[in-house]
Structures are given as structure tokens and as C-alpha cells.
Amino acid sequence: MSGGVKTILENLLRLDGLRLVIDADGLNNLALLKNWSDINKANLILTPHPGEMKRLWTSLLRKPMPSDRQTIAVEFANAAKIVLVLKGHGTVVADAEKVYVNTTGNPGMATAGCGDVLTGVITALCGQGLDNFDASVLAVYIHGLAGDLAAKDKGQISLIATDILDYLPQAFRSTC
């Protein structure tokens, strides 16, 4: 991690009540930051895939990671005092009190950029006033539903991130 990235990340974490969604390289840099949870005053949502989760787990908890995804999400969310969105089949959303296992989505969504779409939906829902847990649960569900709708029309194998983005309006409408 460069000194500039470290300084920015530390400064953001020290901002009391800042709502912050961290994904992708932000997660990798967070895992390199020693004792980040001790300095954190921000209201965080972390959205790791399994590889990123392993790095985060190791850096924060320094003990073997359980094999059960729900246990991983709950233990980590409790330890870090954050909302965790553990991406993958049956995406798990957890905070200190609640856990949700998503039922929408398909293997075709495991492609470049799909996580970025999810992060955007989470951020947009937070911006509309939903709390971090509810925004994450709704975003994960809608994102997966958009992926299912896109796969129905285009097939799973050819899915790309913009397909999911294109089906978001239909997914939102179908839940109303």
C-alpha cells in the first residue's frame, strides 16, 4: 500500500459516522492496514468476495477462518462492528444483530464488473436513506434478481455486468 492510499484510508476511517462502502482494491488495502478496526469511527459496509474475505479475516482476527459462510460473515461483522456483504452463491449480509442469506442470482454473475454494479446499488440505496443493513439486503436481492432476469433473456454464459445494470429497473419494479 502506498503512503497516500494508507493516509486517505486512515483519514476516512477516523471520520465519525461517515457512511462508506468499501469494495475491490479498497478491501485489499484495508487488509494491509494494521488495527484498522481500532481506529474506525466510520459506518462501514464491506463487500468482499471469498478471496478478499480471507485476507480481511487474517488481518483482523488472526485465527483460522471457519468454513461456513454464514459463520464467517457473522463473526467478522461482530468483530469489526460493520455490515458485511460476503459475495458469492447465497451472498450473506451480516451485522452485529442480523443475518440475511440471499436467494437470487446465478453463476453467470461471477464476471468482471458485477460486484461494481452491486456496490453502486448499495451506495444508491444508502443515499436514499436506508440504513446500511437494509440497503445491503435490498441491493443484494435486487442485484441477484436483475442477474436472473438477464440470464433468462441472454443466458448465464454470456452475462456481463452491463446486462445486470440494464435489468435493474425491471428488478426494482417487480418488487413493488
N, C-alpha and C. Protein backbone atom coordinates (compact mmCIF):
# COMPACT_ATOMS: atom_id res chain seq x y z
N MET A 1 0.85 -1.16 0.00
CA MET A 1 0.00 0.00 0.00
C MET A 1 0.90 1.23 0.00
N SER A 2 0.60 2.17 -0.89
CA SER A 2 1.37 3.40 -0.93
C SER A 2 1.01 4.28 0.26
N GLY A 3 1.90 5.18 0.60
CA GLY A 3 1.67 6.07 1.73
C GLY A 3 0.42 6.92 1.55
N GLY A 4 0.16 7.35 0.32
CA GLY A 4 -1.01 8.17 0.05
C GLY A 4 -2.31 7.42 0.27
N VAL A 5 -2.36 6.18 -0.21
CA VAL A 5 -3.57 5.36 -0.03
C VAL A 5 -3.79 5.08 1.45
N LYS A 6 -2.72 4.77 2.15
CA LYS A 6 -2.81 4.49 3.59
C LYS A 6 -3.35 5.71 4.34
N THR A 7 -2.82 6.87 4.04
CA THR A 7 -3.26 8.11 4.71
C THR A 7 -4.72 8.39 4.42
N ILE A 8 -5.13 8.26 3.17
CA ILE A 8 -6.53 8.51 2.82
C ILE A 8 -7.45 7.53 3.54
N LEU A 9 -7.09 6.26 3.51
CA LEU A 9 -7.93 5.24 4.14
C LEU A 9 -8.03 5.47 5.65
N GLU A 10 -6.90 5.74 6.29
CA GLU A 10 -6.93 6.02 7.73
C GLU A 10 -7.78 7.25 8.05
N ASN A 11 -7.65 8.30 7.24
CA ASN A 11 -8.43 9.52 7.48
C ASN A 11 -9.93 9.27 7.30
N LEU A 12 -10.30 8.49 6.30
CA LEU A 12 -11.71 8.17 6.10
C LEU A 12 -12.26 7.36 7.28
N LEU A 13 -11.49 6.39 7.74
CA LEU A 13 -11.93 5.56 8.87
C LEU A 13 -12.10 6.36 10.15
N ARG A 14 -11.38 7.44 10.29
CA ARG A 14 -11.44 8.26 11.50
C ARG A 14 -12.60 9.26 11.49
N LEU A 15 -13.32 9.36 10.38
CA LEU A 15 -14.43 10.31 10.29
C LEU A 15 -15.66 9.70 10.94
N ASP A 16 -16.03 10.26 12.06
CA ASP A 16 -17.13 9.75 12.88
C ASP A 16 -18.45 9.77 12.10
N GLY A 17 -19.03 8.57 11.92
CA GLY A 17 -20.34 8.45 11.28
C GLY A 17 -20.34 8.47 9.76
N LEU A 18 -19.19 8.65 9.12
CA LEU A 18 -19.14 8.63 7.66
C LEU A 18 -19.67 7.30 7.16
N ARG A 19 -20.61 7.34 6.22
CA ARG A 19 -21.10 6.10 5.60
C ARG A 19 -20.20 5.79 4.42
N LEU A 20 -19.59 4.62 4.46
CA LEU A 20 -18.58 4.28 3.48
C LEU A 20 -18.74 2.83 3.04
N VAL A 21 -18.82 2.62 1.73
CA VAL A 21 -18.86 1.27 1.16
C VAL A 21 -17.48 1.00 0.58
N ILE A 22 -16.87 -0.10 1.01
CA ILE A 22 -15.53 -0.44 0.52
C ILE A 22 -15.59 -1.77 -0.23
N ASP A 23 -15.05 -1.76 -1.46
CA ASP A 23 -15.06 -2.93 -2.33
C ASP A 23 -13.70 -3.04 -3.00
N ALA A 24 -13.45 -4.16 -3.61
CA ALA A 24 -12.31 -4.40 -4.50
C ALA A 24 -10.98 -4.00 -3.88
N ASP A 25 -10.22 -3.14 -4.57
CA ASP A 25 -8.89 -2.80 -4.10
C ASP A 25 -8.92 -2.07 -2.76
N GLY A 26 -10.02 -1.40 -2.46
CA GLY A 26 -10.17 -0.79 -1.14
C GLY A 26 -10.11 -1.84 -0.05
N LEU A 27 -10.70 -3.01 -0.29
CA LEU A 27 -10.66 -4.11 0.68
C LEU A 27 -9.25 -4.65 0.84
N ASN A 28 -8.55 -4.79 -0.29
CA ASN A 28 -7.18 -5.30 -0.24
C ASN A 28 -6.28 -4.35 0.55
N ASN A 29 -6.47 -3.05 0.36
CA ASN A 29 -5.70 -2.07 1.12
C ASN A 29 -6.10 -2.05 2.58
N LEU A 30 -7.39 -2.22 2.85
CA LEU A 30 -7.85 -2.28 4.24
C LEU A 30 -7.20 -3.45 4.97
N ALA A 31 -7.11 -4.59 4.30
CA ALA A 31 -6.50 -5.78 4.91
C ALA A 31 -5.03 -5.55 5.26
N LEU A 32 -4.38 -4.64 4.58
CA LEU A 32 -2.97 -4.33 4.85
C LEU A 32 -2.79 -3.31 5.97
N LEU A 33 -3.87 -2.65 6.36
CA LEU A 33 -3.81 -1.60 7.37
C LEU A 33 -3.93 -2.22 8.76
N LYS A 34 -2.86 -2.15 9.51
CA LYS A 34 -2.84 -2.75 10.85
C LYS A 34 -3.85 -2.07 11.77
N ASN A 35 -4.60 -2.87 12.50
CA ASN A 35 -5.55 -2.39 13.51
C ASN A 35 -6.58 -1.39 12.98
N TRP A 36 -7.02 -1.59 11.74
CA TRP A 36 -7.97 -0.65 11.17
C TRP A 36 -9.27 -0.58 11.97
N SER A 37 -9.68 -1.70 12.54
CA SER A 37 -10.95 -1.68 13.28
C SER A 37 -10.83 -0.87 14.58
N ASP A 38 -9.63 -0.73 15.11
CA ASP A 38 -9.43 0.06 16.32
C ASP A 38 -9.59 1.56 16.07
N ILE A 39 -9.23 2.01 14.87
CA ILE A 39 -9.34 3.44 14.57
C ILE A 39 -10.65 3.80 13.88
N ASN A 40 -11.41 2.77 13.49
CA ASN A 40 -12.61 3.03 12.69
C ASN A 40 -13.73 3.70 13.49
N LYS A 41 -14.16 4.85 12.99
CA LYS A 41 -15.34 5.53 13.51
C LYS A 41 -16.40 5.67 12.42
N ALA A 42 -16.06 5.24 11.21
CA ALA A 42 -16.97 5.33 10.08
C ALA A 42 -18.04 4.24 10.18
N ASN A 43 -19.08 4.41 9.44
CA ASN A 43 -20.19 3.47 9.37
C ASN A 43 -19.97 2.65 8.09
N LEU A 44 -19.27 1.51 8.21
CA LEU A 44 -18.76 0.77 7.06
C LEU A 44 -19.67 -0.34 6.56
N ILE A 45 -19.65 -0.49 5.25
CA ILE A 45 -20.16 -1.69 4.57
C ILE A 45 -18.98 -2.23 3.76
N LEU A 46 -18.61 -3.48 4.02
CA LEU A 46 -17.55 -4.13 3.26
C LEU A 46 -18.17 -5.20 2.37
N THR A 47 -17.71 -5.29 1.11
CA THR A 47 -18.32 -6.20 0.14
C THR A 47 -17.29 -7.15 -0.47
N PRO A 48 -16.69 -8.02 0.32
CA PRO A 48 -15.66 -8.90 -0.22
C PRO A 48 -16.20 -10.14 -0.94
N HIS A 49 -15.45 -10.60 -1.93
CA HIS A 49 -15.65 -11.95 -2.44
C HIS A 49 -14.81 -12.87 -1.55
N PRO A 50 -14.89 -14.19 -1.71
CA PRO A 50 -14.20 -15.09 -0.77
C PRO A 50 -12.69 -14.85 -0.63
N GLY A 51 -11.98 -14.54 -1.71
CA GLY A 51 -10.55 -14.29 -1.62
C GLY A 51 -10.23 -13.05 -0.80
N GLU A 52 -10.99 -11.99 -1.03
CA GLU A 52 -10.81 -10.76 -0.25
C GLU A 52 -11.18 -11.00 1.22
N MET A 53 -12.20 -11.82 1.44
CA MET A 53 -12.63 -12.11 2.81
C MET A 53 -11.53 -12.82 3.58
N LYS A 54 -10.84 -13.72 2.91
CA LYS A 54 -9.75 -14.45 3.58
C LYS A 54 -8.67 -13.49 4.04
N ARG A 55 -8.30 -12.52 3.18
CA ARG A 55 -7.28 -11.54 3.55
C ARG A 55 -7.76 -10.66 4.70
N LEU A 56 -9.02 -10.22 4.65
CA LEU A 56 -9.57 -9.40 5.73
C LEU A 56 -9.61 -10.17 7.05
N TRP A 57 -10.07 -11.41 6.97
CA TRP A 57 -10.18 -12.26 8.16
C TRP A 57 -8.81 -12.41 8.83
N THR A 58 -7.83 -12.76 8.02
CA THR A 58 -6.48 -12.98 8.53
C THR A 58 -5.90 -11.72 9.17
N SER A 59 -6.14 -10.58 8.55
CA SER A 59 -5.56 -9.35 9.06
C SER A 59 -6.23 -8.88 10.34
N LEU A 60 -7.52 -9.16 10.50
CA LEU A 60 -8.24 -8.65 11.66
C LEU A 60 -8.30 -9.67 12.80
N LEU A 61 -8.66 -10.91 12.49
CA LEU A 61 -8.93 -11.88 13.55
C LEU A 61 -7.75 -12.79 13.88
N ARG A 62 -6.86 -12.97 12.93
CA ARG A 62 -5.64 -13.75 13.18
C ARG A 62 -5.91 -15.11 13.81
N LYS A 63 -6.92 -15.77 13.30
CA LYS A 63 -7.24 -17.14 13.71
C LYS A 63 -7.79 -17.84 12.49
N PRO A 64 -7.87 -19.17 12.50
CA PRO A 64 -8.39 -19.88 11.33
C PRO A 64 -9.82 -19.43 10.99
N MET A 65 -10.06 -19.29 9.70
CA MET A 65 -11.38 -18.88 9.24
C MET A 65 -12.29 -20.10 9.18
N PRO A 66 -13.52 -19.99 9.71
CA PRO A 66 -14.46 -21.12 9.61
C PRO A 66 -14.78 -21.44 8.15
N SER A 67 -15.32 -22.60 7.92
CA SER A 67 -15.67 -22.98 6.55
C SER A 67 -17.09 -22.53 6.17
N ASP A 68 -17.94 -22.29 7.15
CA ASP A 68 -19.32 -21.90 6.90
C ASP A 68 -19.40 -20.39 6.63
N ARG A 69 -19.94 -20.02 5.47
CA ARG A 69 -20.01 -18.61 5.05
C ARG A 69 -20.83 -17.75 6.02
N GLN A 70 -21.90 -18.29 6.54
CA GLN A 70 -22.72 -17.53 7.48
C GLN A 70 -21.95 -17.24 8.76
N THR A 71 -21.24 -18.22 9.26
CA THR A 71 -20.42 -18.04 10.46
C THR A 71 -19.33 -17.01 10.22
N ILE A 72 -18.68 -17.10 9.07
CA ILE A 72 -17.64 -16.12 8.72
C ILE A 72 -18.22 -14.71 8.76
N ALA A 73 -19.35 -14.52 8.08
CA ALA A 73 -19.94 -13.18 7.98
C ALA A 73 -20.34 -12.64 9.34
N VAL A 74 -21.00 -13.46 10.14
CA VAL A 74 -21.47 -13.01 11.45
C VAL A 74 -20.29 -12.69 12.37
N GLU A 75 -19.32 -13.59 12.45
CA GLU A 75 -18.16 -13.37 13.33
C GLU A 75 -17.38 -12.13 12.92
N PHE A 76 -17.17 -11.96 11.63
CA PHE A 76 -16.39 -10.81 11.17
C PHE A 76 -17.15 -9.51 11.38
N ALA A 77 -18.43 -9.50 11.05
CA ALA A 77 -19.24 -8.29 11.25
C ALA A 77 -19.26 -7.88 12.71
N ASN A 78 -19.38 -8.86 13.59
CA ASN A 78 -19.37 -8.57 15.03
C ASN A 78 -18.02 -8.04 15.48
N ALA A 79 -16.95 -8.67 15.05
CA ALA A 79 -15.61 -8.26 15.47
C ALA A 79 -15.26 -6.85 14.96
N ALA A 80 -15.66 -6.56 13.74
CA ALA A 80 -15.30 -5.28 13.12
C ALA A 80 -16.35 -4.19 13.35
N LYS A 81 -17.54 -4.60 13.81
CA LYS A 81 -18.65 -3.66 14.02
C LYS A 81 -19.02 -2.94 12.72
N ILE A 82 -19.27 -3.75 11.71
CA ILE A 82 -19.58 -3.25 10.37
C ILE A 82 -20.73 -4.07 9.78
N VAL A 83 -21.19 -3.69 8.60
CA VAL A 83 -22.07 -4.54 7.81
C VAL A 83 -21.19 -5.23 6.77
N LEU A 84 -21.30 -6.54 6.70
CA LEU A 84 -20.51 -7.33 5.77
C LEU A 84 -21.43 -7.94 4.73
N VAL A 85 -21.04 -7.79 3.46
CA VAL A 85 -21.73 -8.42 2.34
C VAL A 85 -20.73 -9.41 1.75
N LEU A 86 -20.85 -10.67 2.14
CA LEU A 86 -19.94 -11.72 1.65
C LEU A 86 -20.51 -12.28 0.36
N LYS A 87 -19.92 -11.83 -0.74
CA LYS A 87 -20.44 -12.16 -2.07
C LYS A 87 -20.17 -13.62 -2.43
N GLY A 88 -21.00 -14.12 -3.33
CA GLY A 88 -20.86 -15.49 -3.82
C GLY A 88 -22.22 -16.16 -3.81
N HIS A 89 -22.25 -17.45 -4.11
CA HIS A 89 -23.51 -18.19 -4.10
C HIS A 89 -24.14 -18.08 -2.71
N GLY A 90 -25.37 -17.57 -2.66
CA GLY A 90 -26.01 -17.34 -1.37
C GLY A 90 -25.31 -16.22 -0.62
N THR A 91 -25.13 -15.08 -1.28
CA THR A 91 -24.48 -13.92 -0.64
C THR A 91 -25.04 -13.72 0.75
N VAL A 92 -24.15 -13.51 1.71
CA VAL A 92 -24.53 -13.35 3.11
C VAL A 92 -24.32 -11.89 3.51
N VAL A 93 -25.37 -11.29 4.10
CA VAL A 93 -25.28 -9.95 4.66
C VAL A 93 -25.40 -10.10 6.17
N ALA A 94 -24.47 -9.50 6.91
CA ALA A 94 -24.50 -9.63 8.37
C ALA A 94 -24.07 -8.32 9.02
N ASP A 95 -24.66 -8.06 10.18
CA ASP A 95 -24.18 -7.00 11.07
C ASP A 95 -24.14 -7.59 12.48
N ALA A 96 -24.07 -6.77 13.48
CA ALA A 96 -23.94 -7.27 14.85
C ALA A 96 -25.20 -7.99 15.35
N GLU A 97 -26.34 -7.76 14.71
CA GLU A 97 -27.61 -8.31 15.20
C GLU A 97 -28.35 -9.22 14.23
N LYS A 98 -28.13 -9.03 12.93
CA LYS A 98 -28.94 -9.72 11.93
C LYS A 98 -28.07 -10.38 10.88
N VAL A 99 -28.67 -11.37 10.22
CA VAL A 99 -28.01 -12.03 9.10
C VAL A 99 -29.06 -12.35 8.05
N TYR A 100 -28.68 -12.21 6.79
CA TYR A 100 -29.56 -12.49 5.66
C TYR A 100 -28.76 -13.29 4.64
N VAL A 101 -29.37 -14.36 4.12
CA VAL A 101 -28.75 -15.15 3.05
C VAL A 101 -29.61 -14.97 1.81
N ASN A 102 -29.01 -14.46 0.76
CA ASN A 102 -29.74 -14.13 -0.46
C ASN A 102 -30.13 -15.37 -1.26
N THR A 103 -31.27 -15.27 -1.92
CA THR A 103 -31.79 -16.39 -2.71
C THR A 103 -31.82 -16.10 -4.20
N THR A 104 -31.44 -14.89 -4.61
CA THR A 104 -31.44 -14.56 -6.04
C THR A 104 -30.02 -14.60 -6.58
N GLY A 105 -29.90 -14.64 -7.88
CA GLY A 105 -28.59 -14.64 -8.52
C GLY A 105 -28.27 -15.97 -9.15
N ASN A 106 -27.21 -16.01 -9.94
CA ASN A 106 -26.83 -17.21 -10.67
C ASN A 106 -25.34 -17.18 -10.98
N PRO A 107 -24.77 -18.32 -11.37
CA PRO A 107 -23.33 -18.39 -11.62
C PRO A 107 -22.84 -17.47 -12.74
N GLY A 108 -23.70 -17.09 -13.66
CA GLY A 108 -23.30 -16.19 -14.74
C GLY A 108 -22.88 -14.82 -14.25
N MET A 109 -23.23 -14.51 -13.00
CA MET A 109 -22.90 -13.20 -12.44
C MET A 109 -21.46 -13.13 -11.93
N ALA A 110 -20.76 -14.23 -11.94
CA ALA A 110 -19.37 -14.26 -11.47
C ALA A 110 -18.46 -13.80 -12.60
N THR A 111 -18.59 -12.52 -12.95
CA THR A 111 -17.81 -11.96 -14.04
C THR A 111 -17.41 -10.53 -13.71
N ALA A 112 -16.40 -10.05 -14.38
CA ALA A 112 -15.84 -8.73 -14.09
C ALA A 112 -16.91 -7.64 -14.12
N GLY A 113 -16.90 -6.82 -13.10
CA GLY A 113 -17.78 -5.66 -13.04
C GLY A 113 -19.09 -5.88 -12.33
N CYS A 114 -19.50 -7.13 -12.14
CA CYS A 114 -20.78 -7.39 -11.48
C CYS A 114 -20.77 -6.91 -10.03
N GLY A 115 -19.65 -7.08 -9.35
CA GLY A 115 -19.54 -6.58 -7.99
C GLY A 115 -19.60 -5.06 -7.93
N ASP A 116 -19.09 -4.40 -8.96
CA ASP A 116 -19.16 -2.94 -9.03
C ASP A 116 -20.60 -2.47 -9.14
N VAL A 117 -21.40 -3.21 -9.90
CA VAL A 117 -22.82 -2.88 -10.01
C VAL A 117 -23.49 -3.01 -8.63
N LEU A 118 -23.18 -4.09 -7.93
CA LEU A 118 -23.73 -4.28 -6.58
C LEU A 118 -23.33 -3.14 -5.66
N THR A 119 -22.06 -2.77 -5.67
CA THR A 119 -21.60 -1.67 -4.83
C THR A 119 -22.34 -0.38 -5.15
N GLY A 120 -22.58 -0.15 -6.42
CA GLY A 120 -23.33 1.04 -6.82
C GLY A 120 -24.76 1.04 -6.31
N VAL A 121 -25.40 -0.12 -6.35
CA VAL A 121 -26.78 -0.22 -5.86
C VAL A 121 -26.82 -0.01 -4.35
N ILE A 122 -25.88 -0.62 -3.63
CA ILE A 122 -25.82 -0.43 -2.18
C ILE A 122 -25.66 1.06 -1.85
N THR A 123 -24.72 1.69 -2.53
CA THR A 123 -24.44 3.11 -2.28
C THR A 123 -25.66 3.97 -2.60
N ALA A 124 -26.34 3.69 -3.69
CA ALA A 124 -27.53 4.46 -4.07
C ALA A 124 -28.63 4.30 -3.02
N LEU A 125 -28.83 3.10 -2.52
CA LEU A 125 -29.86 2.88 -1.51
C LEU A 125 -29.50 3.54 -0.18
N CYS A 126 -28.23 3.55 0.16
CA CYS A 126 -27.79 4.29 1.36
C CYS A 126 -28.08 5.78 1.17
N GLY A 127 -27.80 6.29 -0.01
CA GLY A 127 -28.04 7.69 -0.32
C GLY A 127 -29.51 8.07 -0.27
N GLN A 128 -30.38 7.08 -0.43
CA GLN A 128 -31.82 7.32 -0.36
C GLN A 128 -32.36 7.16 1.06
N GLY A 129 -31.48 6.93 2.02
CA GLY A 129 -31.88 6.93 3.42
C GLY A 129 -32.02 5.58 4.10
N LEU A 130 -31.83 4.48 3.37
CA LEU A 130 -31.89 3.18 4.04
C LEU A 130 -30.67 3.01 4.93
N ASP A 131 -30.84 2.31 6.06
CA ASP A 131 -29.67 2.04 6.90
C ASP A 131 -28.78 1.02 6.18
N ASN A 132 -27.56 0.87 6.67
CA ASN A 132 -26.57 0.05 5.97
C ASN A 132 -27.01 -1.40 5.77
N PHE A 133 -27.61 -2.00 6.80
CA PHE A 133 -28.03 -3.39 6.67
C PHE A 133 -29.16 -3.53 5.66
N ASP A 134 -30.19 -2.70 5.80
CA ASP A 134 -31.34 -2.79 4.88
C ASP A 134 -30.94 -2.46 3.45
N ALA A 135 -30.09 -1.46 3.27
CA ALA A 135 -29.62 -1.12 1.92
C ALA A 135 -28.87 -2.30 1.31
N SER A 136 -28.05 -2.94 2.11
CA SER A 136 -27.27 -4.08 1.61
C SER A 136 -28.15 -5.27 1.25
N VAL A 137 -29.12 -5.58 2.11
CA VAL A 137 -30.03 -6.70 1.84
C VAL A 137 -30.83 -6.43 0.56
N LEU A 138 -31.43 -5.25 0.47
CA LEU A 138 -32.23 -4.94 -0.72
C LEU A 138 -31.36 -4.94 -1.97
N ALA A 139 -30.17 -4.36 -1.88
CA ALA A 139 -29.28 -4.31 -3.04
C ALA A 139 -28.87 -5.70 -3.50
N VAL A 140 -28.52 -6.56 -2.57
CA VAL A 140 -28.12 -7.93 -2.91
C VAL A 140 -29.27 -8.66 -3.59
N TYR A 141 -30.47 -8.51 -3.05
CA TYR A 141 -31.64 -9.18 -3.63
C TYR A 141 -31.92 -8.64 -5.04
N ILE A 142 -31.98 -7.33 -5.18
CA ILE A 142 -32.29 -6.71 -6.48
C ILE A 142 -31.20 -7.03 -7.51
N HIS A 143 -29.96 -6.94 -7.09
CA HIS A 143 -28.83 -7.25 -7.97
C HIS A 143 -28.93 -8.69 -8.49
N GLY A 144 -29.20 -9.63 -7.58
CA GLY A 144 -29.37 -11.02 -7.99
C GLY A 144 -30.56 -11.23 -8.89
N LEU A 145 -31.66 -10.55 -8.57
CA LEU A 145 -32.87 -10.65 -9.41
C LEU A 145 -32.60 -10.10 -10.80
N ALA A 146 -31.90 -8.96 -10.89
CA ALA A 146 -31.55 -8.41 -12.20
C ALA A 146 -30.68 -9.41 -12.97
N GLY A 147 -29.76 -10.06 -12.26
CA GLY A 147 -28.94 -11.09 -12.91
C GLY A 147 -29.76 -12.27 -13.39
N ASP A 148 -30.78 -12.66 -12.61
CA ASP A 148 -31.66 -13.76 -13.02
C ASP A 148 -32.48 -13.37 -14.24
N LEU A 149 -33.00 -12.15 -14.25
CA LEU A 149 -33.79 -11.68 -15.39
C LEU A 149 -32.92 -11.60 -16.65
N ALA A 150 -31.71 -11.10 -16.49
CA ALA A 150 -30.79 -11.02 -17.63
C ALA A 150 -30.43 -12.40 -18.15
N ALA A 151 -30.19 -13.34 -17.23
CA ALA A 151 -29.83 -14.70 -17.63
C ALA A 151 -30.97 -15.38 -18.37
N LYS A 152 -32.19 -15.08 -17.95
CA LYS A 152 -33.36 -15.67 -18.61
C LYS A 152 -33.41 -15.24 -20.08
N ASP A 153 -33.08 -13.99 -20.35
CA ASP A 153 -33.12 -13.48 -21.72
C ASP A 153 -31.85 -13.74 -22.52
N LYS A 154 -30.71 -13.71 -21.88
CA LYS A 154 -29.44 -13.75 -22.59
C LYS A 154 -28.63 -15.02 -22.35
N GLY A 155 -28.99 -15.77 -21.31
CA GLY A 155 -28.22 -16.96 -20.92
C GLY A 155 -27.14 -16.59 -19.92
N GLN A 156 -26.82 -17.53 -19.03
CA GLN A 156 -25.82 -17.28 -17.99
C GLN A 156 -24.41 -17.12 -18.55
N ILE A 157 -24.09 -17.90 -19.54
CA ILE A 157 -22.71 -17.93 -20.03
C ILE A 157 -22.29 -16.59 -20.62
N SER A 158 -23.20 -15.90 -21.26
CA SER A 158 -22.82 -14.65 -21.92
C SER A 158 -23.08 -13.40 -21.07
N LEU A 159 -23.48 -13.57 -19.83
CA LEU A 159 -23.77 -12.41 -18.98
C LEU A 159 -22.54 -11.53 -18.78
N ILE A 160 -22.78 -10.22 -18.85
CA ILE A 160 -21.76 -9.24 -18.49
C ILE A 160 -22.40 -8.22 -17.55
N ALA A 161 -21.57 -7.45 -16.89
CA ALA A 161 -22.04 -6.52 -15.87
C ALA A 161 -23.11 -5.56 -16.39
N THR A 162 -22.94 -5.08 -17.62
CA THR A 162 -23.93 -4.13 -18.14
C THR A 162 -25.30 -4.78 -18.35
N ASP A 163 -25.34 -6.09 -18.53
CA ASP A 163 -26.64 -6.78 -18.62
C ASP A 163 -27.38 -6.65 -17.29
N ILE A 164 -26.67 -6.84 -16.20
CA ILE A 164 -27.29 -6.71 -14.88
C ILE A 164 -27.76 -5.28 -14.67
N LEU A 165 -26.92 -4.35 -15.04
CA LEU A 165 -27.27 -2.93 -14.93
C LEU A 165 -28.54 -2.63 -15.73
N ASP A 166 -28.64 -3.16 -16.93
CA ASP A 166 -29.80 -2.93 -17.78
C ASP A 166 -31.09 -3.49 -17.20
N TYR A 167 -31.00 -4.56 -16.40
CA TYR A 167 -32.18 -5.20 -15.84
C TYR A 167 -32.54 -4.69 -14.44
N LEU A 168 -31.77 -3.77 -13.89
CA LEU A 168 -32.10 -3.24 -12.57
C LEU A 168 -33.48 -2.59 -12.50
N PRO A 169 -33.86 -1.75 -13.48
CA PRO A 169 -35.21 -1.15 -13.38
C PRO A 169 -36.33 -2.20 -13.33
N GLN A 170 -36.22 -3.24 -14.13
CA GLN A 170 -37.22 -4.30 -14.13
C GLN A 170 -37.23 -5.03 -12.78
N ALA A 171 -36.04 -5.26 -12.22
CA ALA A 171 -35.95 -5.94 -10.93
C ALA A 171 -36.59 -5.08 -9.84
N PHE A 172 -36.33 -3.80 -9.83
CA PHE A 172 -36.95 -2.91 -8.84
C PHE A 172 -38.46 -2.88 -9.00
N ARG A 173 -38.93 -2.78 -10.25
CA ARG A 173 -40.39 -2.75 -10.50
C ARG A 173 -41.07 -4.03 -10.04
N SER A 174 -40.40 -5.14 -10.19
CA SER A 174 -41.05 -6.42 -9.85
C SER A 174 -41.19 -6.62 -8.34
N THR A 175 -40.48 -5.84 -7.54
CA THR A 175 -40.57 -5.98 -6.09
C THR A 175 -41.58 -5.02 -5.47
N CYS A 176 -42.12 -4.13 -6.27
CA CYS A 176 -43.09 -3.14 -5.73
C CYS A 176 -44.49 -3.70 -5.69
